[in-house]
């Protein structure tokens, strides 16, 4: 149910992508209290991006989930920014995160909706 997408202008090797994907999948499952088997994550690197009119390392993250509690947003932001700082050396001030809660009837899976 949770989907976490990372876009960054940083070049990331395939091995590092796998490590980041595993780390962010665990993070999303733990922080949202969801089974990791339902978590989908992606990393798109070397994207043409500017933040503040320069191309220093930056990232745009989207997190969609069913029942995303608003009170978890600050912790999620802290954890995601920390992971990006540690793994890709992206300054948290150069990361935007869009978090969205979606109603179950508008979330499709397995030919149905939740």
PDB file of N, CA and C in Angstrom:
ATOM      1  N   UNK A   1       0.804  -1.193   0.000  1.00  0.00           N
ATOM      2  CA  UNK A   1       0.000   0.000   0.000  1.00  0.00           C
ATOM      3  C   UNK A   1       0.848   1.258   0.000  1.00  0.00           C
ATOM      4  N   UNK A   2       1.860   1.350   0.861  1.00  0.00           N
ATOM      5  CA  UNK A   2       2.717   2.532   0.736  1.00  0.00           C
ATOM      6  C   UNK A   2       3.563   2.468  -0.533  1.00  0.00           C
ATOM      7  N   UNK A   3       3.684   3.606  -1.194  1.00  0.00           N
ATOM      8  CA  UNK A   3       4.574   3.756  -2.344  1.00  0.00           C
ATOM      9  C   UNK A   3       5.482   4.934  -2.047  1.00  0.00           C
ATOM     10  N   UNK A   4       6.788   4.710  -2.154  1.00  0.00           N
ATOM     11  CA  UNK A   4       7.753   5.767  -1.910  1.00  0.00           C
ATOM     12  C   UNK A   4       8.647   5.872  -3.141  1.00  0.00           C
ATOM     13  N   UNK A   5       8.611   7.042  -3.784  1.00  0.00           N
ATOM     14  CA  UNK A   5       9.383   7.286  -5.003  1.00  0.00           C
ATOM     15  C   UNK A   5      10.404   8.378  -4.738  1.00  0.00           C
ATOM     16  N   UNK A   6      11.648   8.097  -5.109  1.00  0.00           N
ATOM     17  CA  UNK A   6      12.724   9.071  -4.947  1.00  0.00           C
ATOM     18  C   UNK A   6      13.248   9.441  -6.325  1.00  0.00           C
ATOM     19  N   UNK A   7      13.305  10.738  -6.605  1.00  0.00           N
ATOM     20  CA  UNK A   7      13.966  11.254  -7.800  1.00  0.00           C
ATOM     21  C   UNK A   7      15.115  12.125  -7.326  1.00  0.00           C
ATOM     22  N   UNK A   8      16.282  11.938  -7.920  1.00  0.00           N
ATOM     23  CA  UNK A   8      17.440  12.733  -7.532  1.00  0.00           C
ATOM     24  C   UNK A   8      18.315  13.020  -8.748  1.00  0.00           C
ATOM     25  N   UNK A   9      19.063  14.115  -8.654  1.00  0.00           N
ATOM     26  CA  UNK A   9      20.010  14.433  -9.713  1.00  0.00           C
ATOM     27  C   UNK A   9      21.363  13.760  -9.473  1.00  0.00           C
ATOM     28  N   UNK A  10      21.496  13.039  -8.385  1.00  0.00           N
ATOM     29  CA  UNK A  10      22.732  12.328  -8.059  1.00  0.00           C
ATOM     30  C   UNK A  10      22.810  11.052  -8.895  1.00  0.00           C
ATOM     31  N   UNK A  11      23.984  10.763  -9.436  1.00  0.00           N
ATOM     32  CA  UNK A  11      24.199   9.492 -10.132  1.00  0.00           C
ATOM     33  C   UNK A  11      24.361   8.404  -9.077  1.00  0.00           C
ATOM     34  N   UNK A  12      23.604   7.327  -9.226  1.00  0.00           N
ATOM     35  CA  UNK A  12      23.612   6.247  -8.239  1.00  0.00           C
ATOM     36  C   UNK A  12      23.876   4.928  -8.962  1.00  0.00           C
ATOM     37  N   UNK A  13      24.866   4.194  -8.495  1.00  0.00           N
ATOM     38  CA  UNK A  13      25.185   2.899  -9.109  1.00  0.00           C
ATOM     39  C   UNK A  13      24.055   1.905  -8.846  1.00  0.00           C
ATOM     40  N   UNK A  14      23.993   0.856  -9.643  1.00  0.00           N
ATOM     41  CA  UNK A  14      22.962  -0.160  -9.465  1.00  0.00           C
ATOM     42  C   UNK A  14      23.043  -0.799  -8.082  1.00  0.00           C
ATOM     43  N   UNK A  15      24.253  -1.065  -7.616  1.00  0.00           N
ATOM     44  CA  UNK A  15      24.420  -1.668  -6.288  1.00  0.00           C
ATOM     45  C   UNK A  15      23.900  -0.733  -5.203  1.00  0.00           C
ATOM     46  N   UNK A  16      24.262   0.564  -5.304  1.00  0.00           N
ATOM     47  CA  UNK A  16      23.797   1.528  -4.316  1.00  0.00           C
ATOM     48  C   UNK A  16      22.281   1.696  -4.374  1.00  0.00           C
ATOM     49  N   UNK A  17      21.699   1.631  -5.580  1.00  0.00           N
ATOM     50  CA  UNK A  17      20.240   1.712  -5.709  1.00  0.00           C
ATOM     51  C   UNK A  17      19.580   0.578  -4.938  1.00  0.00           C
ATOM     52  N   UNK A  18      20.113  -0.626  -5.090  1.00  0.00           N
ATOM     53  CA  UNK A  18      19.531  -1.775  -4.384  1.00  0.00           C
ATOM     54  C   UNK A  18      19.606  -1.569  -2.878  1.00  0.00           C
ATOM     55  N   UNK A  19      20.737  -1.074  -2.398  1.00  0.00           N
ATOM     56  CA  UNK A  19      20.887  -0.823  -0.960  1.00  0.00           C
ATOM     57  C   UNK A  19      19.900   0.231  -0.477  1.00  0.00           C
ATOM     58  N   UNK A  20      19.741   1.306  -1.252  1.00  0.00           N
ATOM     59  CA  UNK A  20      18.810   2.373  -0.884  1.00  0.00           C
ATOM     60  C   UNK A  20      17.373   1.855  -0.910  1.00  0.00           C
ATOM     61  N   UNK A  21      17.038   1.083  -1.936  1.00  0.00           N
ATOM     62  CA  UNK A  21      15.688   0.528  -2.035  1.00  0.00           C
ATOM     63  C   UNK A  21      15.356  -0.330  -0.824  1.00  0.00           C
ATOM     64  N   UNK A  22      16.284  -1.183  -0.433  1.00  0.00           N
ATOM     65  CA  UNK A  22      16.055  -2.043   0.736  1.00  0.00           C
ATOM     66  C   UNK A  22      15.887  -1.206   2.000  1.00  0.00           C
ATOM     67  N   UNK A  23      16.751  -0.201   2.159  1.00  0.00           N
ATOM     68  CA  UNK A  23      16.694   0.637   3.360  1.00  0.00           C
ATOM     69  C   UNK A  23      15.393   1.437   3.424  1.00  0.00           C
ATOM     70  N   UNK A  24      14.984   2.018   2.312  1.00  0.00           N
ATOM     71  CA  UNK A  24      13.779   2.854   2.321  1.00  0.00           C
ATOM     72  C   UNK A  24      12.521   1.984   2.444  1.00  0.00           C
ATOM     73  N   UNK A  25      12.554   0.776   1.930  1.00  0.00           N
ATOM     74  CA  UNK A  25      11.424  -0.147   2.089  1.00  0.00           C
ATOM     75  C   UNK A  25      11.235  -0.509   3.561  1.00  0.00           C
ATOM     76  N   UNK A  26      12.326  -0.848   4.229  1.00  0.00           N
ATOM     77  CA  UNK A  26      12.266  -1.151   5.667  1.00  0.00           C
ATOM     78  C   UNK A  26      11.776   0.063   6.457  1.00  0.00           C
ATOM     79  N   UNK A  27      12.316   1.225   6.123  1.00  0.00           N
ATOM     80  CA  UNK A  27      11.938   2.461   6.806  1.00  0.00           C
ATOM     81  C   UNK A  27      10.440   2.719   6.672  1.00  0.00           C
ATOM     82  N   UNK A  28       9.919   2.645   5.450  1.00  0.00           N
ATOM     83  CA  UNK A  28       8.496   2.925   5.225  1.00  0.00           C
ATOM     84  C   UNK A  28       7.621   1.936   5.981  1.00  0.00           C
ATOM     85  N   UNK A  29       7.964   0.662   5.917  1.00  0.00           N
ATOM     86  CA  UNK A  29       7.169  -0.353   6.610  1.00  0.00           C
ATOM     87  C   UNK A  29       7.170  -0.101   8.115  1.00  0.00           C
ATOM     88  N   UNK A  30       8.337   0.136   8.663  1.00  0.00           N
ATOM     89  CA  UNK A  30       8.449   0.340  10.111  1.00  0.00           C
ATOM     90  C   UNK A  30       7.707   1.592  10.565  1.00  0.00           C
ATOM     91  N   UNK A  31       7.977   2.713   9.920  1.00  0.00           N
ATOM     92  CA  UNK A  31       7.405   3.983  10.359  1.00  0.00           C
ATOM     93  C   UNK A  31       5.897   4.067  10.129  1.00  0.00           C
ATOM     94  N   UNK A  32       5.394   3.364   9.113  1.00  0.00           N
ATOM     95  CA  UNK A  32       3.955   3.399   8.826  1.00  0.00           C
ATOM     96  C   UNK A  32       3.207   2.228   9.463  1.00  0.00           C
ATOM     97  N   UNK A  33       3.958   1.279  10.031  1.00  0.00           N
ATOM     98  CA  UNK A  33       3.315   0.127  10.646  1.00  0.00           C
ATOM     99  C   UNK A  33       2.615  -0.765   9.641  1.00  0.00           C
ATOM    100  N   UNK A  34       3.187  -0.882   8.447  1.00  0.00           N
ATOM    101  CA  UNK A  34       2.598  -1.691   7.373  1.00  0.00           C
ATOM    102  C   UNK A  34       3.511  -2.885   7.091  1.00  0.00           C
ATOM    103  N   UNK A  35       2.957  -3.998   6.607  1.00  0.00           N
ATOM    104  CA  UNK A  35       3.801  -5.129   6.220  1.00  0.00           C
ATOM    105  C   UNK A  35       4.699  -4.737   5.043  1.00  0.00           C
ATOM    106  N   UNK A  36       5.969  -5.083   5.129  1.00  0.00           N
ATOM    107  CA  UNK A  36       6.889  -4.715   4.050  1.00  0.00           C
ATOM    108  C   UNK A  36       6.495  -5.364   2.728  1.00  0.00           C
ATOM    109  N   UNK A  37       5.770  -6.469   2.792  1.00  0.00           N
ATOM    110  CA  UNK A  37       5.309  -7.136   1.580  1.00  0.00           C
ATOM    111  C   UNK A  37       4.380  -6.293   0.729  1.00  0.00           C
ATOM    112  N   UNK A  38       3.829  -5.226   1.287  1.00  0.00           N
ATOM    113  CA  UNK A  38       2.937  -4.329   0.541  1.00  0.00           C
ATOM    114  C   UNK A  38       3.611  -3.010   0.164  1.00  0.00           C
ATOM    115  N   UNK A  39       4.859  -2.833   0.539  1.00  0.00           N
ATOM    116  CA  UNK A  39       5.561  -1.569   0.288  1.00  0.00           C
ATOM    117  C   UNK A  39       6.204  -1.603  -1.100  1.00  0.00           C
ATOM    118  N   UNK A  40       5.999  -0.551  -1.878  1.00  0.00           N
ATOM    119  CA  UNK A  40       6.642  -0.406  -3.188  1.00  0.00           C
ATOM    120  C   UNK A  40       7.549   0.820  -3.137  1.00  0.00           C
ATOM    121  N   UNK A  41       8.789   0.668  -3.600  1.00  0.00           N
ATOM    122  CA  UNK A  41       9.733   1.785  -3.600  1.00  0.00           C
ATOM    123  C   UNK A  41      10.430   1.862  -4.952  1.00  0.00           C
ATOM    124  N   UNK A  42      10.855   3.066  -5.311  1.00  0.00           N
ATOM    125  CA  UNK A  42      11.637   3.242  -6.537  1.00  0.00           C
ATOM    126  C   UNK A  42      12.627   4.382  -6.349  1.00  0.00           C
ATOM    127  N   UNK A  43      13.724   4.285  -7.076  1.00  0.00           N
ATOM    128  CA  UNK A  43      14.747   5.336  -7.086  1.00  0.00           C
ATOM    129  C   UNK A  43      15.062   5.649  -8.533  1.00  0.00           C
ATOM    130  N   UNK A  44      14.929   6.902  -8.890  1.00  0.00           N
ATOM    131  CA  UNK A  44      15.297   7.381 -10.228  1.00  0.00           C
ATOM    132  C   UNK A  44      16.454   8.349 -10.040  1.00  0.00           C
ATOM    133  N   UNK A  45      17.603   7.986 -10.588  1.00  0.00           N
ATOM    134  CA  UNK A  45      18.802   8.812 -10.397  1.00  0.00           C
ATOM    135  C   UNK A  45      19.188   9.527 -11.686  1.00  0.00           C
ATOM    136  N   UNK A  46      20.128  10.441 -11.542  1.00  0.00           N
ATOM    137  CA  UNK A  46      20.634  11.237 -12.672  1.00  0.00           C
ATOM    138  C   UNK A  46      19.525  11.996 -13.396  1.00  0.00           C
ATOM    139  N   UNK A  47      18.518  12.422 -12.646  1.00  0.00           N
ATOM    140  CA  UNK A  47      17.412  13.189 -13.213  1.00  0.00           C
ATOM    141  C   UNK A  47      17.874  14.641 -13.371  1.00  0.00           C
ATOM    142  N   UNK A  48      17.511  15.261 -14.472  1.00  0.00           N
ATOM    143  CA  UNK A  48      17.836  16.680 -14.664  1.00  0.00           C
ATOM    144  C   UNK A  48      16.981  17.483 -13.690  1.00  0.00           C
ATOM    145  N   UNK A  49      17.624  18.034 -12.650  1.00  0.00           N
ATOM    146  CA  UNK A  49      16.906  18.764 -11.609  1.00  0.00           C
ATOM    147  C   UNK A  49      17.711  19.966 -11.151  1.00  0.00           C
ATOM    148  N   UNK A  50      16.998  21.029 -10.829  1.00  0.00           N
ATOM    149  CA  UNK A  50      17.572  22.191 -10.156  1.00  0.00           C
ATOM    150  C   UNK A  50      16.773  22.428  -8.891  1.00  0.00           C
ATOM    151  N   UNK A  51      17.424  22.894  -7.859  1.00  0.00           N
ATOM    152  CA  UNK A  51      16.759  23.324  -6.629  1.00  0.00           C
ATOM    153  C   UNK A  51      17.445  24.629  -6.246  1.00  0.00           C
ATOM    154  N   UNK A  52      16.681  25.688  -6.095  1.00  0.00           N
ATOM    155  CA  UNK A  52      17.272  26.985  -5.768  1.00  0.00           C
ATOM    156  C   UNK A  52      18.185  27.488  -6.870  1.00  0.00           C
ATOM    157  N   UNK A  53      17.845  27.176  -8.107  1.00  0.00           N
ATOM    158  CA  UNK A  53      18.567  27.640  -9.297  1.00  0.00           C
ATOM    159  C   UNK A  53      19.970  27.062  -9.433  1.00  0.00           C
ATOM    160  N   UNK A  54      20.263  25.948  -8.719  1.00  0.00           N
ATOM    161  CA  UNK A  54      21.549  25.284  -8.963  1.00  0.00           C
ATOM    162  C   UNK A  54      21.366  23.775  -8.957  1.00  0.00           C
ATOM    163  N   UNK A  55      22.376  23.092  -9.487  1.00  0.00           N
ATOM    164  CA  UNK A  55      22.262  21.647  -9.642  1.00  0.00           C
ATOM    165  C   UNK A  55      23.064  20.856  -8.599  1.00  0.00           C
ATOM    166  N   UNK A  56      23.285  21.448  -7.421  1.00  0.00           N
ATOM    167  CA  UNK A  56      23.869  20.685  -6.325  1.00  0.00           C
ATOM    168  C   UNK A  56      22.945  19.509  -6.023  1.00  0.00           C
ATOM    169  N   UNK A  57      23.450  18.465  -5.362  1.00  0.00           N
ATOM    170  CA  UNK A  57      22.610  17.301  -5.083  1.00  0.00           C
ATOM    171  C   UNK A  57      21.290  17.689  -4.412  1.00  0.00           C
ATOM    172  N   UNK A  58      20.211  17.124  -4.966  1.00  0.00           N
ATOM    173  CA  UNK A  58      18.878  17.390  -4.431  1.00  0.00           C
ATOM    174  C   UNK A  58      17.988  16.179  -4.706  1.00  0.00           C
ATOM    175  N   UNK A  59      16.808  16.174  -4.097  1.00  0.00           N
ATOM    176  CA  UNK A  59      15.883  15.065  -4.305  1.00  0.00           C
ATOM    177  C   UNK A  59      14.442  15.534  -4.123  1.00  0.00           C
ATOM    178  N   UNK A  60      13.554  14.851  -4.843  1.00  0.00           N
ATOM    179  CA  UNK A  60      12.115  15.015  -4.664  1.00  0.00           C
ATOM    180  C   UNK A  60      11.575  13.628  -4.336  1.00  0.00           C
ATOM    181  N   UNK A  61      10.846  13.545  -3.240  1.00  0.00           N
ATOM    182  CA  UNK A  61      10.326  12.268  -2.757  1.00  0.00           C
ATOM    183  C   UNK A  61       8.814  12.357  -2.687  1.00  0.00           C
ATOM    184  N   UNK A  62       8.153  11.302  -3.133  1.00  0.00           N
ATOM    185  CA  UNK A  62       6.708  11.201  -3.003  1.00  0.00           C
ATOM    186  C   UNK A  62       6.393   9.966  -2.173  1.00  0.00           C
ATOM    187  N   UNK A  63       5.536  10.137  -1.177  1.00  0.00           N
ATOM    188  CA  UNK A  63       5.099   9.034  -0.329  1.00  0.00           C
ATOM    189  C   UNK A  63       3.580   9.010  -0.334  1.00  0.00           C
ATOM    190  N   UNK A  64       3.027   7.928  -0.851  1.00  0.00           N
ATOM    191  CA  UNK A  64       1.578   7.734  -0.894  1.00  0.00           C
ATOM    192  C   UNK A  64       1.243   6.531  -0.016  1.00  0.00           C
ATOM    193  N   UNK A  65       0.145   6.611   0.702  1.00  0.00           N
ATOM    194  CA  UNK A  65      -0.244   5.477   1.524  1.00  0.00           C
ATOM    195  C   UNK A  65      -1.721   5.563   1.870  1.00  0.00           C
ATOM    196  N   UNK A  66      -2.281   4.418   2.244  1.00  0.00           N
ATOM    197  CA  UNK A  66      -3.611   4.384   2.821  1.00  0.00           C
ATOM    198  C   UNK A  66      -3.459   4.695   4.301  1.00  0.00           C
ATOM    199  N   UNK A  67      -4.271   5.573   4.797  1.00  0.00           N
ATOM    200  CA  UNK A  67      -4.242   5.870   6.221  1.00  0.00           C
ATOM    201  C   UNK A  67      -2.932   6.459   6.697  1.00  0.00           C
ATOM    202  N   UNK A  68      -2.382   7.394   5.951  1.00  0.00           N
ATOM    203  CA  UNK A  68      -1.129   8.052   6.349  1.00  0.00           C
ATOM    204  C   UNK A  68      -1.434   9.041   7.474  1.00  0.00           C
ATOM    205  N   UNK A  69      -1.002   8.733   8.695  1.00  0.00           N
ATOM    206  CA  UNK A  69      -1.311   9.625   9.813  1.00  0.00           C
ATOM    207  C   UNK A  69      -0.512  10.929   9.742  1.00  0.00           C
ATOM    208  N   UNK A  70      -1.206  12.053   9.846  1.00  0.00           N
ATOM    209  CA  UNK A  70      -0.541  13.359   9.775  1.00  0.00           C
ATOM    210  C   UNK A  70       0.516  13.520  10.860  1.00  0.00           C
ATOM    211  N   UNK A  71       0.286  12.933  12.023  1.00  0.00           N
ATOM    212  CA  UNK A  71       1.242  13.097  13.110  1.00  0.00           C
ATOM    213  C   UNK A  71       2.563  12.362  12.864  1.00  0.00           C
ATOM    214  N   UNK A  72       2.591  11.469  11.865  1.00  0.00           N
ATOM    215  CA  UNK A  72       3.833  10.766  11.523  1.00  0.00           C
ATOM    216  C   UNK A  72       4.664  11.528  10.491  1.00  0.00           C
ATOM    217  N   UNK A  73       4.101  12.571   9.882  1.00  0.00           N
ATOM    218  CA  UNK A  73       4.796  13.301   8.819  1.00  0.00           C
ATOM    219  C   UNK A  73       6.148  13.869   9.263  1.00  0.00           C
ATOM    220  N   UNK A  74       6.241  14.524  10.431  1.00  0.00           N
ATOM    221  CA  UNK A  74       7.553  15.050  10.830  1.00  0.00           C
ATOM    222  C   UNK A  74       8.617  13.947  10.976  1.00  0.00           C
ATOM    223  N   UNK A  75       8.242  12.833  11.579  1.00  0.00           N
ATOM    224  CA  UNK A  75       9.189  11.720  11.754  1.00  0.00           C
ATOM    225  C   UNK A  75       9.570  11.125  10.401  1.00  0.00           C
ATOM    226  N   UNK A  76       8.611  10.953   9.510  1.00  0.00           N
ATOM    227  CA  UNK A  76       8.905  10.424   8.177  1.00  0.00           C
ATOM    228  C   UNK A  76       9.865  11.351   7.438  1.00  0.00           C
ATOM    229  N   UNK A  77       9.622  12.655   7.518  1.00  0.00           N
ATOM    230  CA  UNK A  77      10.508  13.615   6.870  1.00  0.00           C
ATOM    231  C   UNK A  77      11.924  13.494   7.427  1.00  0.00           C
ATOM    232  N   UNK A  78      12.028  13.434   8.743  1.00  0.00           N
ATOM    233  CA  UNK A  78      13.337  13.303   9.391  1.00  0.00           C
ATOM    234  C   UNK A  78      14.055  12.030   8.946  1.00  0.00           C
ATOM    235  N   UNK A  79      13.337  10.923   8.923  1.00  0.00           N
ATOM    236  CA  UNK A  79      13.952   9.636   8.583  1.00  0.00           C
ATOM    237  C   UNK A  79      14.357   9.575   7.103  1.00  0.00           C
ATOM    238  N   UNK A  80      13.495  10.053   6.229  1.00  0.00           N
ATOM    239  CA  UNK A  80      13.796  10.024   4.795  1.00  0.00           C
ATOM    240  C   UNK A  80      14.975  10.944   4.490  1.00  0.00           C
ATOM    241  N   UNK A  81      14.951  12.150   5.038  1.00  0.00           N
ATOM    242  CA  UNK A  81      16.069  13.078   4.821  1.00  0.00           C
ATOM    243  C   UNK A  81      17.369  12.509   5.386  1.00  0.00           C
ATOM    244  N   UNK A  82      17.306  11.869   6.533  1.00  0.00           N
ATOM    245  CA  UNK A  82      18.487  11.245   7.115  1.00  0.00           C
ATOM    246  C   UNK A  82      19.049  10.153   6.237  1.00  0.00           C
ATOM    247  N   UNK A  83      18.168   9.331   5.673  1.00  0.00           N
ATOM    248  CA  UNK A  83      18.609   8.270   4.772  1.00  0.00           C
ATOM    249  C   UNK A  83      19.267   8.851   3.521  1.00  0.00           C
ATOM    250  N   UNK A  84      18.678   9.905   2.957  1.00  0.00           N
ATOM    251  CA  UNK A  84      19.256  10.526   1.762  1.00  0.00           C
ATOM    252  C   UNK A  84      20.581  11.209   2.068  1.00  0.00           C
ATOM    253  N   UNK A  85      20.703  11.790   3.243  1.00  0.00           N
ATOM    254  CA  UNK A  85      21.973  12.406   3.653  1.00  0.00           C
ATOM    255  C   UNK A  85      23.056  11.334   3.796  1.00  0.00           C
ATOM    256  N   UNK A  86      22.705  10.247   4.467  1.00  0.00           N
ATOM    257  CA  UNK A  86      23.667   9.173   4.715  1.00  0.00           C
ATOM    258  C   UNK A  86      24.057   8.427   3.444  1.00  0.00           C
ATOM    259  N   UNK A  87      23.084   8.113   2.603  1.00  0.00           N
ATOM    260  CA  UNK A  87      23.360   7.273   1.436  1.00  0.00           C
ATOM    261  C   UNK A  87      23.812   8.053   0.202  1.00  0.00           C
ATOM    262  N   UNK A  88      23.337   9.293   0.026  1.00  0.00           N
ATOM    263  CA  UNK A  88      23.647  10.047  -1.190  1.00  0.00           C
ATOM    264  C   UNK A  88      24.271  11.414  -0.915  1.00  0.00           C
ATOM    265  N   UNK A  89      24.492  11.720   0.352  1.00  0.00           N
ATOM    266  CA  UNK A  89      25.080  12.993   0.753  1.00  0.00           C
ATOM    267  C   UNK A  89      24.268  14.198   0.245  1.00  0.00           C
ATOM    268  N   UNK A  90      22.939  14.061   0.338  1.00  0.00           N
ATOM    269  CA  UNK A  90      22.051  15.162  -0.044  1.00  0.00           C
ATOM    270  C   UNK A  90      21.665  15.923   1.216  1.00  0.00           C
ATOM    271  N   UNK A  91      21.944  17.200   1.234  1.00  0.00           N
ATOM    272  CA  UNK A  91      21.593  18.062   2.357  1.00  0.00           C
ATOM    273  C   UNK A  91      20.071  18.062   2.524  1.00  0.00           C
ATOM    274  N   UNK A  92      19.561  17.802   3.726  1.00  0.00           N
ATOM    275  CA  UNK A  92      18.113  17.803   3.943  1.00  0.00           C
ATOM    276  C   UNK A  92      17.410  19.085   3.511  1.00  0.00           C
ATOM    277  N   UNK A  93      18.133  20.205   3.472  1.00  0.00           N
ATOM    278  CA  UNK A  93      17.534  21.463   3.000  1.00  0.00           C
ATOM    279  C   UNK A  93      17.305  21.449   1.491  1.00  0.00           C
ATOM    280  N   UNK A  94      17.793  20.389   0.819  1.00  0.00           N
ATOM    281  CA  UNK A  94      17.634  20.281  -0.640  1.00  0.00           C
ATOM    282  C   UNK A  94      16.745  19.086  -0.998  1.00  0.00           C
ATOM    283  N   UNK A  95      15.829  18.774  -0.093  1.00  0.00           N
ATOM    284  CA  UNK A  95      14.893  17.662  -0.304  1.00  0.00           C
ATOM    285  C   UNK A  95      13.469  18.167  -0.066  1.00  0.00           C
ATOM    286  N   UNK A  96      12.605  17.929  -1.030  1.00  0.00           N
ATOM    287  CA  UNK A  96      11.172  18.145  -0.837  1.00  0.00           C
ATOM    288  C   UNK A  96      10.512  16.778  -0.774  1.00  0.00           C
ATOM    289  N   UNK A  97       9.550  16.636   0.127  1.00  0.00           N
ATOM    290  CA  UNK A  97       8.814  15.385   0.279  1.00  0.00           C
ATOM    291  C   UNK A  97       7.324  15.704   0.221  1.00  0.00           C
ATOM    292  N   UNK A  98       6.644  15.067  -0.701  1.00  0.00           N
ATOM    293  CA  UNK A  98       5.188  15.209  -0.788  1.00  0.00           C
ATOM    294  C   UNK A  98       4.565  13.934  -0.230  1.00  0.00           C
ATOM    295  N   UNK A  99       3.801  14.072   0.836  1.00  0.00           N
ATOM    296  CA  UNK A  99       3.144  12.935   1.470  1.00  0.00           C
ATOM    297  C   UNK A  99       1.647  13.033   1.226  1.00  0.00           C
ATOM    298  N   UNK A 100       1.050  11.903   0.836  1.00  0.00           N
ATOM    299  CA  UNK A 100      -0.379  11.906   0.524  1.00  0.00           C
ATOM    300  C   UNK A 100      -1.062  10.685   1.110  1.00  0.00           C
ATOM    301  N   UNK A 101      -2.203  10.923   1.729  1.00  0.00           N
ATOM    302  CA  UNK A 101      -3.076   9.860   2.213  1.00  0.00           C
ATOM    303  C   UNK A 101      -4.153   9.653   1.154  1.00  0.00           C
ATOM    304  N   UNK A 102      -4.381   8.421   0.779  1.00  0.00           N
ATOM    305  CA  UNK A 102      -5.384   8.130  -0.242  1.00  0.00           C
ATOM    306  C   UNK A 102      -6.475   7.243   0.334  1.00  0.00           C
ATOM    307  N   UNK A 103      -7.739   7.505  -0.020  1.00  0.00           N
ATOM    308  CA  UNK A 103      -8.822   6.649   0.455  1.00  0.00           C
ATOM    309  C   UNK A 103      -8.721   5.251  -0.169  1.00  0.00           C
ATOM    310  N   UNK A 104      -9.084   4.248   0.614  1.00  0.00           N
ATOM    311  CA  UNK A 104      -8.956   2.854   0.177  1.00  0.00           C
ATOM    312  C   UNK A 104      -9.736   2.560  -1.103  1.00  0.00           C
ATOM    313  N   UNK A 105     -10.878   3.208  -1.286  1.00  0.00           N
ATOM    314  CA  UNK A 105     -11.684   2.931  -2.482  1.00  0.00           C
ATOM    315  C   UNK A 105     -11.071   3.503  -3.756  1.00  0.00           C
ATOM    316  N   UNK A 106     -10.017   4.333  -3.632  1.00  0.00           N
ATOM    317  CA  UNK A 106      -9.322   4.876  -4.804  1.00  0.00           C
ATOM    318  C   UNK A 106      -7.918   4.290  -4.940  1.00  0.00           C
ATOM    319  N   UNK A 107      -7.675   3.174  -4.301  1.00  0.00           N
ATOM    320  CA  UNK A 107      -6.369   2.509  -4.350  1.00  0.00           C
ATOM    321  C   UNK A 107      -6.603   1.110  -4.895  1.00  0.00           C
ATOM    322  N   UNK A 108      -6.110   0.857  -6.122  1.00  0.00           N
ATOM    323  CA  UNK A 108      -6.327  -0.436  -6.755  1.00  0.00           C
ATOM    324  C   UNK A 108      -5.186  -1.403  -6.530  1.00  0.00           C
ATOM    325  N   UNK A 109      -5.533  -2.674  -6.454  1.00  0.00           N
ATOM    326  CA  UNK A 109      -4.551  -3.757  -6.320  1.00  0.00           C
ATOM    327  C   UNK A 109      -5.238  -5.066  -6.656  1.00  0.00           C
ATOM    328  N   UNK A 110      -4.553  -5.894  -7.399  1.00  0.00           N
ATOM    329  CA  UNK A 110      -5.036  -7.245  -7.697  1.00  0.00           C
ATOM    330  C   UNK A 110      -6.411  -7.237  -8.373  1.00  0.00           C
ATOM    331  N   UNK A 111      -6.644  -6.253  -9.233  1.00  0.00           N
ATOM    332  CA  UNK A 111      -7.884  -6.171  -9.964  1.00  0.00           C
ATOM    333  C   UNK A 111      -9.059  -5.659  -9.142  1.00  0.00           C
ATOM    334  N   UNK A 112      -8.793  -5.178  -7.927  1.00  0.00           N
ATOM    335  CA  UNK A 112      -9.838  -4.673  -7.052  1.00  0.00           C
ATOM    336  C   UNK A 112      -9.359  -3.367  -6.427  1.00  0.00           C
ATOM    337  N   UNK A 113     -10.125  -2.868  -5.482  1.00  0.00           N
ATOM    338  CA  UNK A 113      -9.663  -1.752  -4.650  1.00  0.00           C
ATOM    339  C   UNK A 113      -9.672  -2.203  -3.209  1.00  0.00           C
ATOM    340  N   UNK A 114      -8.951  -1.471  -2.393  1.00  0.00           N
ATOM    341  CA  UNK A 114      -8.939  -1.802  -0.967  1.00  0.00           C
ATOM    342  C   UNK A 114     -10.219  -1.318  -0.332  1.00  0.00           C
TER     343      UNK A 114
END
